C-alpha atoms as a PDB file:
ATOM      1  CA  MET A   1       0.000   0.000   0.000  1.00  0.00           C
ATOM      2  CA  LYS A   2       1.420   3.363  -1.052  1.00  0.00           C
ATOM      3  CA  LYS A   3       1.895   5.985   1.609  1.00  0.00           C
ATOM      4  CA  SER A   4      -0.487   8.902   1.229  1.00  0.00           C
ATOM      5  CA  TYR A   5       0.874  12.355   0.617  1.00  0.00           C
ATOM      6  CA  ASN A   6      -0.409  15.871   0.936  1.00  0.00           C
ATOM      7  CA  ILE A   7       0.252  18.089  -2.106  1.00  0.00           C
ATOM      8  CA  SER A   8      -0.193  21.276  -0.089  1.00  0.00           C
ATOM      9  CA  GLU A   9       2.454  20.177   2.399  1.00  0.00           C
ATOM     10  CA  LEU A  10       4.841  19.232  -0.410  1.00  0.00           C
ATOM     11  CA  LYS A  11       4.317  22.626  -2.052  1.00  0.00           C
ATOM     12  CA  GLN A  12       5.031  24.344   1.243  1.00  0.00           C
ATOM     13  CA  PHE A  13       8.197  22.296   1.671  1.00  0.00           C
ATOM     14  CA  LEU A  14       9.443  23.331  -1.762  1.00  0.00           C
ATOM     15  CA  THR A  15       8.671  27.011  -1.211  1.00  0.00           C
ATOM     16  CA  ASP A  16      10.443  26.848   2.157  1.00  0.00           C
ATOM     17  CA  PHE A  17      13.518  25.703   0.256  1.00  0.00           C
ATOM     18  CA  GLY A  18      13.405  28.592  -2.189  1.00  0.00           C
ATOM     19  CA  LEU A  19      11.035  27.704  -5.020  1.00  0.00           C
ATOM     20  CA  THR A  20       8.229  30.039  -5.974  1.00  0.00           C
ATOM     21  CA  LYS A  21       4.671  28.772  -5.641  1.00  0.00           C
ATOM     22  CA  LYS A  22       4.442  28.419  -9.428  1.00  0.00           C
ATOM     23  CA  GLN A  23       7.724  26.512  -9.631  1.00  0.00           C
ATOM     24  CA  ALA A  24       6.574  24.186  -6.856  1.00  0.00           C
ATOM     25  CA  ALA A  25       3.246  23.528  -8.601  1.00  0.00           C
ATOM     26  CA  VAL A  26       4.960  22.865 -11.943  1.00  0.00           C
ATOM     27  CA  TYR A  27       7.554  20.536 -10.417  1.00  0.00           C
ATOM     28  CA  LEU A  28       4.960  18.479  -8.529  1.00  0.00           C
ATOM     29  CA  ALA A  29       2.715  18.218 -11.599  1.00  0.00           C
ATOM     30  CA  SER A  30       5.648  17.143 -13.765  1.00  0.00           C
ATOM     31  CA  LEU A  31       6.775  14.662 -11.148  1.00  0.00           C
ATOM     32  CA  GLN A  32       3.444  12.837 -11.421  1.00  0.00           C
ATOM     33  CA  LEU A  33       3.058  13.075 -15.211  1.00  0.00           C
ATOM     34  CA  GLY A  34       6.436  11.979 -16.543  1.00  0.00           C
ATOM     35  CA  PRO A  35       7.656  13.415 -19.905  1.00  0.00           C
ATOM     36  CA  VAL A  36       4.800  15.485 -21.311  1.00  0.00           C
ATOM     37  CA  SER A  37       4.118  18.701 -23.209  1.00  0.00           C
ATOM     38  CA  ILE A  38       3.940  22.159 -21.706  1.00  0.00           C
ATOM     39  CA  GLN A  39       0.187  22.096 -22.245  1.00  0.00           C
ATOM     40  CA  ALA A  40      -0.191  18.962 -20.131  1.00  0.00           C
ATOM     41  CA  ILE A  41       1.908  20.415 -17.336  1.00  0.00           C
ATOM     42  CA  ALA A  42      -0.073  23.686 -17.440  1.00  0.00           C
ATOM     43  CA  LYS A  43      -3.345  21.773 -17.137  1.00  0.00           C
ATOM     44  CA  ALA A  44      -2.123  19.642 -14.227  1.00  0.00           C
ATOM     45  CA  ALA A  45      -0.559  22.633 -12.460  1.00  0.00           C
ATOM     46  CA  LYS A  46      -3.702  24.685 -13.080  1.00  0.00           C
ATOM     47  CA  THR A  47      -1.852  27.605 -14.638  1.00  0.00           C
ATOM     48  CA  GLN A  48      -1.756  29.271 -18.063  1.00  0.00           C
ATOM     49  CA  ARG A  49       0.768  27.924 -20.559  1.00  0.00           C
ATOM     50  CA  THR A  50       2.108  31.398 -21.354  1.00  0.00           C
ATOM     51  CA  ASN A  51       3.024  31.868 -17.717  1.00  0.00           C
ATOM     52  CA  LEU A  52       4.668  28.476 -17.484  1.00  0.00           C
ATOM     53  CA  TYR A  53       7.779  28.736 -19.641  1.00  0.00           C
ATOM     54  CA  ASP A  54       9.762  30.906 -17.236  1.00  0.00           C
ATOM     55  CA  ALA A  55       9.059  28.548 -14.336  1.00  0.00           C
ATOM     56  CA  VAL A  56      10.101  25.519 -16.394  1.00  0.00           C
ATOM     57  CA  GLU A  57      13.312  27.221 -17.571  1.00  0.00           C
ATOM     58  CA  GLU A  58      14.226  28.153 -14.016  1.00  0.00           C
ATOM     59  CA  LEU A  59      13.600  24.579 -12.820  1.00  0.00           C
ATOM     60  CA  ILE A  60      15.814  23.280 -15.634  1.00  0.00           C
ATOM     61  CA  GLU A  61      18.569  25.691 -14.596  1.00  0.00           C
ATOM     62  CA  ARG A  62      18.321  24.439 -11.030  1.00  0.00           C
ATOM     63  CA  GLY A  63      18.584  20.830 -12.162  1.00  0.00           C
ATOM     64  CA  LEU A  64      15.054  19.882 -11.163  1.00  0.00           C
ATOM     65  CA  MET A  65      13.605  19.395 -14.664  1.00  0.00           C
ATOM     66  CA  ALA A  66      14.959  18.290 -18.027  1.00  0.00           C
ATOM     67  CA  ILE A  67      14.042  18.592 -21.716  1.00  0.00           C
ATOM     68  CA  VAL A  68      13.058  15.305 -23.380  1.00  0.00           C
ATOM     69  CA  PRO A  69      13.058  15.345 -27.230  1.00  0.00           C
ATOM     70  CA  PHE A  70       9.771  13.970 -28.601  1.00  0.00           C
ATOM     71  CA  GLY A  71       9.619  13.970 -32.381  1.00  0.00           C
ATOM     72  CA  LYS A  72       9.842  17.557 -33.588  1.00  0.00           C
ATOM     73  CA  ARG A  73       8.763  18.917 -30.231  1.00  0.00           C
ATOM     74  CA  ASN A  74      10.164  18.967 -26.760  1.00  0.00           C
ATOM     75  CA  HIS A  75       8.571  17.390 -23.749  1.00  0.00           C
ATOM     76  CA  TYR A  76       9.539  18.192 -20.209  1.00  0.00           C
ATOM     77  CA  GLN A  77      10.112  15.897 -17.270  1.00  0.00           C
ATOM     78  CA  ALA A  78      10.892  16.328 -13.582  1.00  0.00           C
ATOM     79  CA  GLN A  79      14.245  14.967 -12.520  1.00  0.00           C
ATOM     80  CA  ASP A  80      14.546  12.249  -9.919  1.00  0.00           C
ATOM     81  CA  PRO A  81      13.482  13.640  -6.499  1.00  0.00           C
ATOM     82  CA  THR A  82      17.025  13.131  -5.194  1.00  0.00           C
ATOM     83  CA  ALA A  83      17.845  16.217  -7.271  1.00  0.00           C
ATOM     84  CA  LEU A  84      16.034  18.187  -4.566  1.00  0.00           C
ATOM     85  CA  LYS A  85      19.247  17.929  -2.565  1.00  0.00           C
ATOM     86  CA  SER A  86      20.494  20.728  -4.803  1.00  0.00           C
ATOM     87  CA  LEU A  87      18.073  23.060  -2.978  1.00  0.00           C
ATOM     88  CA  LEU A  88      19.785  22.215   0.291  1.00  0.00           C
ATOM     89  CA  HIS A  89      23.195  22.773  -1.274  1.00  0.00           C
ATOM     90  CA  GLU A  90      22.015  26.173  -2.517  1.00  0.00           C
ATOM     91  CA  LYS A  91      20.950  27.074   1.008  1.00  0.00           C
ATOM     92  CA  GLU A  92      24.279  25.899   2.398  1.00  0.00           C
ATOM     93  CA  ARG A  93      26.217  27.934  -0.168  1.00  0.00           C
ATOM     94  CA  ALA A  94      24.099  30.992   0.531  1.00  0.00           C
ATOM     95  CA  LEU A  95      24.651  30.585   4.273  1.00  0.00           C
ATOM     96  CA  LYS A  96      28.397  30.122   3.794  1.00  0.00           C
ATOM     97  CA  ASP A  97      28.553  33.293   1.695  1.00  0.00           C
ATOM     98  CA  THR A  98      26.455  35.284   4.153  1.00  0.00           C
ATOM     99  CA  LEU A  99      27.885  33.951   7.421  1.00  0.00           C
ATOM    100  CA  PRO A 100      30.772  36.467   7.527  1.00  0.00           C
ATOM    101  CA  GLN A 101      28.229  39.291   7.435  1.00  0.00           C
ATOM    102  CA  PHE A 102      26.358  37.797  10.401  1.00  0.00           C
ATOM    103  CA  ALA A 103      29.685  37.342  12.188  1.00  0.00           C
ATOM    104  CA  SER A 104      30.608  40.973  11.610  1.00  0.00           C
ATOM    105  CA  LEU A 105      27.324  42.030  13.204  1.00  0.00           C
ATOM    106  CA  TYR A 106      27.926  39.684  16.140  1.00  0.00           C
ATOM    107  CA  ASP A 107      31.462  41.000  16.645  1.00  0.00           C
ATOM    108  CA  ALA A 108      30.544  44.637  16.027  1.00  0.00           C
ATOM    109  CA  GLY A 109      31.294  46.838  18.973  1.00  0.00           C
ATOM    110  CA  GLU A 110      34.051  45.201  21.000  1.00  0.00           C
ATOM    111  CA  THR A 111      32.847  47.026  24.095  1.00  0.00           C
ATOM    112  CA  LYS A 112      29.552  45.131  24.106  1.00  0.00           C
ATOM    113  CA  PRO A 113      29.766  41.790  25.956  1.00  0.00           C
ATOM    114  CA  HIS A 114      27.916  38.736  24.677  1.00  0.00           C
ATOM    115  CA  ILE A 115      26.110  36.848  27.439  1.00  0.00           C
ATOM    116  CA  ARG A 116      24.710  33.375  26.825  1.00  0.00           C
ATOM    117  CA  TYR A 117      22.581  31.573  29.397  1.00  0.00           C
ATOM    118  CA  TYR A 118      22.139  27.799  29.156  1.00  0.00           C
ATOM    119  CA  PRO A 119      19.400  26.469  31.462  1.00  0.00           C
ATOM    120  CA  GLY A 120      18.983  22.890  32.642  1.00  0.00           C
ATOM    121  CA  LEU A 121      21.210  19.836  32.419  1.00  0.00           C
ATOM    122  CA  GLU A 122      21.619  20.000  28.639  1.00  0.00           C
ATOM    123  CA  GLY A 123      22.419  23.706  28.879  1.00  0.00           C
ATOM    124  CA  TYR A 124      25.017  22.989  31.562  1.00  0.00           C
ATOM    125  CA  LYS A 125      26.663  20.413  29.302  1.00  0.00           C
ATOM    126  CA  GLN A 126      26.517  22.707  26.272  1.00  0.00           C
ATOM    127  CA  ALA A 127      28.267  25.494  28.156  1.00  0.00           C
ATOM    128  CA  TYR A 128      30.893  23.058  29.448  1.00  0.00           C
ATOM    129  CA  GLU A 129      31.527  21.848  25.879  1.00  0.00           C
ATOM    130  CA  ASP A 130      32.435  25.390  24.871  1.00  0.00           C
ATOM    131  CA  SER A 131      35.597  25.189  26.979  1.00  0.00           C
ATOM    132  CA  LEU A 132      36.962  22.701  24.434  1.00  0.00           C
ATOM    133  CA  THR A 133      36.768  25.340  21.696  1.00  0.00           C
ATOM    134  CA  THR A 134      39.524  27.516  23.169  1.00  0.00           C
ATOM    135  CA  THR A 135      41.932  28.726  20.515  1.00  0.00           C
ATOM    136  CA  ASP A 136      44.555  29.609  23.119  1.00  0.00           C
ATOM    137  CA  LYS A 137      44.692  25.964  24.276  1.00  0.00           C
ATOM    138  CA  LYS A 138      44.766  27.117  27.904  1.00  0.00           C
ATOM    139  CA  LEU A 139      42.107  27.082  30.620  1.00  0.00           C
ATOM    140  CA  ILE A 140      42.267  28.571  34.096  1.00  0.00           C
ATOM    141  CA  GLY A 141      39.565  27.831  36.593  1.00  0.00           C
ATOM    142  CA  ILE A 142      38.234  27.649  40.093  1.00  0.00           C
ATOM    143  CA  PHE A 143      36.868  24.170  40.168  1.00  0.00           C
ATOM    144  CA  SER A 144      34.241  22.389  42.234  1.00  0.00           C
ATOM    145  CA  THR A 145      34.690  18.688  41.489  1.00  0.00           C
ATOM    146  CA  GLN A 146      31.983  17.475  43.837  1.00  0.00           C
ATOM    147  CA  SER A 147      29.473  20.034  42.561  1.00  0.00           C
ATOM    148  CA  MET A 148      30.138  19.005  38.958  1.00  0.00           C
ATOM    149  CA  TRP A 149      29.799  15.310  39.752  1.00  0.00           C
ATOM    150  CA  GLU A 150      26.424  15.999  41.349  1.00  0.00           C
ATOM    151  CA  VAL A 151      25.183  17.580  38.108  1.00  0.00           C
ATOM    152  CA  ILE A 152      26.648  15.458  35.298  1.00  0.00           C
ATOM    153  CA  GLY A 153      28.168  12.479  37.105  1.00  0.00           C
ATOM    154  CA  ARG A 154      31.785  11.411  37.401  1.00  0.00           C
ATOM    155  CA  GLN A 155      31.841   9.471  34.122  1.00  0.00           C
ATOM    156  CA  ALA A 156      30.790  12.518  32.077  1.00  0.00           C
ATOM    157  CA  ALA A 157      33.364  14.648  33.905  1.00  0.00           C
ATOM    158  CA  ASP A 158      36.088  12.060  33.219  1.00  0.00           C
ATOM    159  CA  ASP A 159      35.076  12.004  29.542  1.00  0.00           C
ATOM    160  CA  MET A 160      35.529  15.781  29.358  1.00  0.00           C
ATOM    161  CA  VAL A 161      39.007  15.426  30.879  1.00  0.00           C
ATOM    162  CA  THR A 162      39.929  12.831  28.254  1.00  0.00           C
ATOM    163  CA  ARG A 163      38.678  15.022  25.412  1.00  0.00           C
ATOM    164  CA  ARG A 164      40.490  18.069  26.792  1.00  0.00           C
ATOM    165  CA  ILE A 165      43.754  16.139  26.859  1.00  0.00           C
ATOM    166  CA  LYS A 166      43.221  14.888  23.293  1.00  0.00           C
ATOM    167  CA  LYS A 167      42.806  18.496  22.187  1.00  0.00           C
ATOM    168  CA  CYS A 168      46.078  19.414  23.972  1.00  0.00           C
ATOM    169  CA  ILE A 169      44.336  21.982  26.197  1.00  0.00           C
ATOM    170  CA  ALA A 170      46.258  22.753  29.378  1.00  0.00           C
ATOM    171  CA  LEU A 171      44.423  23.445  32.646  1.00  0.00           C
ATOM    172  CA  ARG A 172      45.560  25.468  35.651  1.00  0.00           C
ATOM    173  CA  VAL A 173      42.990  25.051  38.422  1.00  0.00           C
ATOM    174  CA  ILE A 174      42.312  26.011  42.026  1.00  0.00           C
ATOM    175  CA  ARG A 175      40.212  23.655  44.164  1.00  0.00           C
ATOM    176  CA  SER A 176      38.858  23.794  47.680  1.00  0.00           C
ATOM    177  CA  LYS A 177      39.723  21.107  50.222  1.00  0.00           C
ATOM    178  CA  VAL A 178      36.212  21.409  51.636  1.00  0.00           C
ATOM    179  CA  GLY A 179      34.138  18.474  50.407  1.00  0.00           C
ATOM    180  CA  GLU A 180      36.548  17.723  47.555  1.00  0.00           C
ATOM    181  CA  PRO A 181      38.017  14.279  46.765  1.00  0.00           C
ATOM    182  CA  ASN A 182      41.709  15.047  47.327  1.00  0.00           C
ATOM    183  CA  ARG A 183      43.184  12.260  45.237  1.00  0.00           C
ATOM    184  CA  ILE A 184      41.198  12.978  42.083  1.00  0.00           C
ATOM    185  CA  TYR A 185      42.492  15.154  39.204  1.00  0.00           C
ATOM    186  CA  PRO A 186      45.941  15.991  40.676  1.00  0.00           C
ATOM    187  CA  SER A 187      48.670  17.956  38.954  1.00  0.00           C
ATOM    188  CA  SER A 188      49.922  15.867  36.069  1.00  0.00           C
ATOM    189  CA  LEU A 189      52.074  16.517  33.032  1.00  0.00           C
ATOM    190  CA  GLY A 190      50.321  13.734  31.138  1.00  0.00           C
ATOM    191  CA  ASP A 191      46.886  15.125  31.997  1.00  0.00           C
ATOM    192  CA  LEU A 192      47.989  18.687  31.214  1.00  0.00           C
ATOM    193  CA  ARG A 193      46.807  19.785  34.629  1.00  0.00           C
ATOM    194  CA  GLU A 194      48.385  22.035  37.259  1.00  0.00           C
ATOM    195  CA  MET A 195      46.418  22.181  40.496  1.00  0.00           C
ATOM    196  CA  ARG A 196      46.577  24.139  43.747  1.00  0.00           C
ATOM    197  CA  TRP A 197      44.512  23.983  46.929  1.00  0.00           C
ATOM    198  CA  ALA A 198      42.702  27.156  47.928  1.00  0.00           C
ATOM    199  CA  PRO A 199      43.355  28.713  51.358  1.00  0.00           C
ATOM    200  CA  SER A 200      41.758  26.885  54.273  1.00  0.00           C
ATOM    201  CA  GLY A 201      38.035  27.466  54.690  1.00  0.00           C
ATOM    202  CA  MET A 202      37.344  28.537  51.113  1.00  0.00           C
ATOM    203  CA  GLU A 203      34.553  26.555  49.463  1.00  0.00           C
ATOM    204  CA  PHE A 204      33.380  26.843  45.843  1.00  0.00           C
ATOM    205  CA  PRO A 205      29.793  25.794  45.082  1.00  0.00           C
ATOM    206  CA  ILE A 206      30.262  26.572  41.374  1.00  0.00           C
ATOM    207  CA  THR A 207      32.937  26.104  38.708  1.00  0.00           C
ATOM    208  CA  THR A 208      34.427  29.054  36.839  1.00  0.00           C
ATOM    209  CA  TYR A 209      36.592  28.793  33.731  1.00  0.00           C
ATOM    210  CA  VAL A 210      38.410  31.577  31.900  1.00  0.00           C
ATOM    211  CA  TYR A 211      39.654  31.042  28.341  1.00  0.00           C
ATOM    212  CA  ASP A 212      40.259  33.240  25.325  1.00  0.00           C
ATOM    213  CA  ASN A 213      37.978  36.246  25.977  1.00  0.00           C
ATOM    214  CA  LYS A 214      35.326  34.212  27.792  1.00  0.00           C
ATOM    215  CA  VAL A 215      34.271  33.527  31.364  1.00  0.00           C
ATOM    216  CA  MET A 216      32.190  30.384  31.858  1.00  0.00           C
ATOM    217  CA  ILE A 217      30.205  29.622  34.999  1.00  0.00           C
ATOM    218  CA  LEU A 218      28.770  26.190  35.804  1.00  0.00           C
ATOM    219  CA  SER A 219      26.261  26.246  38.642  1.00  0.00           C
ATOM    220  CA  SER A 220      25.537  23.863  41.482  1.00  0.00           C
ATOM    221  CA  LYS A 221      22.902  21.129  41.068  1.00  0.00           C
ATOM    222  CA  ARG A 222      20.376  23.279  42.950  1.00  0.00           C
ATOM    223  CA  GLU A 223      20.269  25.758  40.049  1.00  0.00           C
ATOM    224  CA  THR A 224      21.725  23.692  37.150  1.00  0.00           C
ATOM    225  CA  PHE A 225      22.678  26.135  34.430  1.00  0.00           C
ATOM    226  CA  GLY A 226      25.660  27.248  32.400  1.00  0.00           C
ATOM    227  CA  LEU A 227      26.590  30.860  31.682  1.00  0.00           C
ATOM    228  CA  ILE A 228      29.166  32.218  29.234  1.00  0.00           C
ATOM    229  CA  ILE A 229      30.206  35.866  29.211  1.00  0.00           C
ATOM    230  CA  GLU A 230      32.227  36.855  26.167  1.00  0.00           C
ATOM    231  CA  SER A 231      34.096  40.062  26.934  1.00  0.00           C
ATOM    232  CA  ALA A 232      37.800  40.845  26.740  1.00  0.00           C
ATOM    233  CA  ASP A 233      37.607  43.187  29.747  1.00  0.00           C
ATOM    234  CA  ILE A 234      35.650  40.788  31.964  1.00  0.00           C
ATOM    235  CA  ALA A 235      37.950  37.904  31.026  1.00  0.00           C
ATOM    236  CA  ALA A 236      40.999  40.031  31.828  1.00  0.00           C
ATOM    237  CA  ALA A 237      39.544  40.987  35.219  1.00  0.00           C
ATOM    238  CA  HIS A 238      38.853  37.360  36.088  1.00  0.00           C
ATOM    239  CA  ARG A 239      42.407  36.427  35.121  1.00  0.00           C
ATOM    240  CA  HIS A 240      43.644  38.984  37.660  1.00  0.00           C
ATOM    241  CA  TYR A 241      41.310  37.572  40.350  1.00  0.00           C
ATOM    242  CA  PHE A 242      42.541  34.087  39.560  1.00  0.00           C
ATOM    243  CA  SER A 243      46.212  35.124  39.663  1.00  0.00           C
ATOM    244  CA  ALA A 244      45.765  36.720  43.077  1.00  0.00           C
ATOM    245  CA  LEU A 245      44.119  33.613  44.501  1.00  0.00           C
ATOM    246  CA  TRP A 246      46.678  31.370  42.776  1.00  0.00           C
ATOM    247  CA  GLN A 247      49.498  33.078  44.690  1.00  0.00           C
ATOM    248  CA  LEU A 248      47.683  32.411  47.965  1.00  0.00           C
ATOM    249  CA  SER A 249      46.971  28.768  47.156  1.00  0.00           C
ATOM    250  CA  THR A 250      49.080  25.694  47.917  1.00  0.00           C
ATOM    251  CA  PRO A 251      50.501  23.529  45.103  1.00  0.00           C
ATOM    252  CA  ASP A 252      49.632  19.858  45.419  1.00  0.00           C
ATOM    253  CA  ARG A 253      53.037  19.183  43.810  1.00  0.00           C
ATOM    254  CA  PRO A 254      55.725  21.680  44.864  1.00  0.00           C
ATOM    255  CA  ASP A 255      57.846  23.095  42.030  1.00  0.00           C
ATOM    256  CA  PHE A 256      55.511  21.631  39.392  1.00  0.00           C
ATOM    257  CA  CYS A 257      54.548  23.918  36.512  1.00  0.00           C
ATOM    258  CA  LEU A 258      53.085  23.116  33.123  1.00  0.00           C
ATOM    259  CA  PRO A 259      55.216  24.466  30.258  1.00  0.00           C
ATOM    260  CA  GLN A 260      52.130  26.075  28.727  1.00  0.00           C
ATOM    261  CA  PHE A 261      51.892  28.458  31.700  1.00  0.00           C
ATOM    262  CA  GLN A 262      55.563  29.371  31.929  1.00  0.00           C
ATOM    263  CA  ASN A 263      56.080  32.934  30.730  1.00  0.00           C
END
C-alpha cells in the first residue's frame, strides 16, 4: 500500500527551500506526469501555458527538470526527487557566503559583551563543551569537582578530561579542600593539569573557567545552568582575580609547573 501524501504540504516544503509557488506547482505536476508537453503540465498545475515557460526554464537551470526530445517537439520531465538535494546545497552555499556578514554584526562593537545563558542539564553540558573550543589551548579555573559530579556524574566529567587532553588543552585550576576528593584530578604533566589547593576554609559551590575572551560559569545542582560571558575586559579581570588567589593557594606538587603556563 502506497503511503499517502499531501500536495499542499509538499508545495510548502518546496517554497520553504526557495522555489516560488508556481515553480513548486509545476515541479509536482511534472513529477506525477512523466515526460509530457507544456500544455499537459499547465493543465495539471492549473496555470496558463504562457506563464509556465519561465518557471520551467528556471527549474531546468536548477537541475530539477529536463528537456526530453519527442519527435519535432520537446517534452519536459521532472528529474529524480534526489535532485532536490540541490536546494539544500544552494541554502548551504548561501549561508556560507552570508555567514561572515552575520559574524561581523555579532562582533561589532568590542565594548559590548555577549552573554549566553544555558538552562537545565543540557544547557550545563553545552556550556561546558564550549571550553573545548579555546583557541589559546589554555584554561584557568576555580573548580568544584563534587558540585560538577552531582550535576553530570563522574563518568561525564572524566570524559571531558579525556577530550580536553586529546585536544592538547592545558588546565591550571584552584580547588577547595572542603568536600573535595583530594586524590582525584591531581597535577599531572600527562593530563595537562596544574592544580593548587585554595586557602583553608574557602569553598566553591560553582565552577568558573576563563579562556580566550570568555568567562564560563557552571552552577551547582540546585540551580543547574551554564553561563558564558564573552568580553575581553571581563575575562581580563577574572584572570587577575585568579592570579591573586593562585598566589595564595598551595601547590599539590611543589615546584611543578606546566610548560604552557611558563612565561
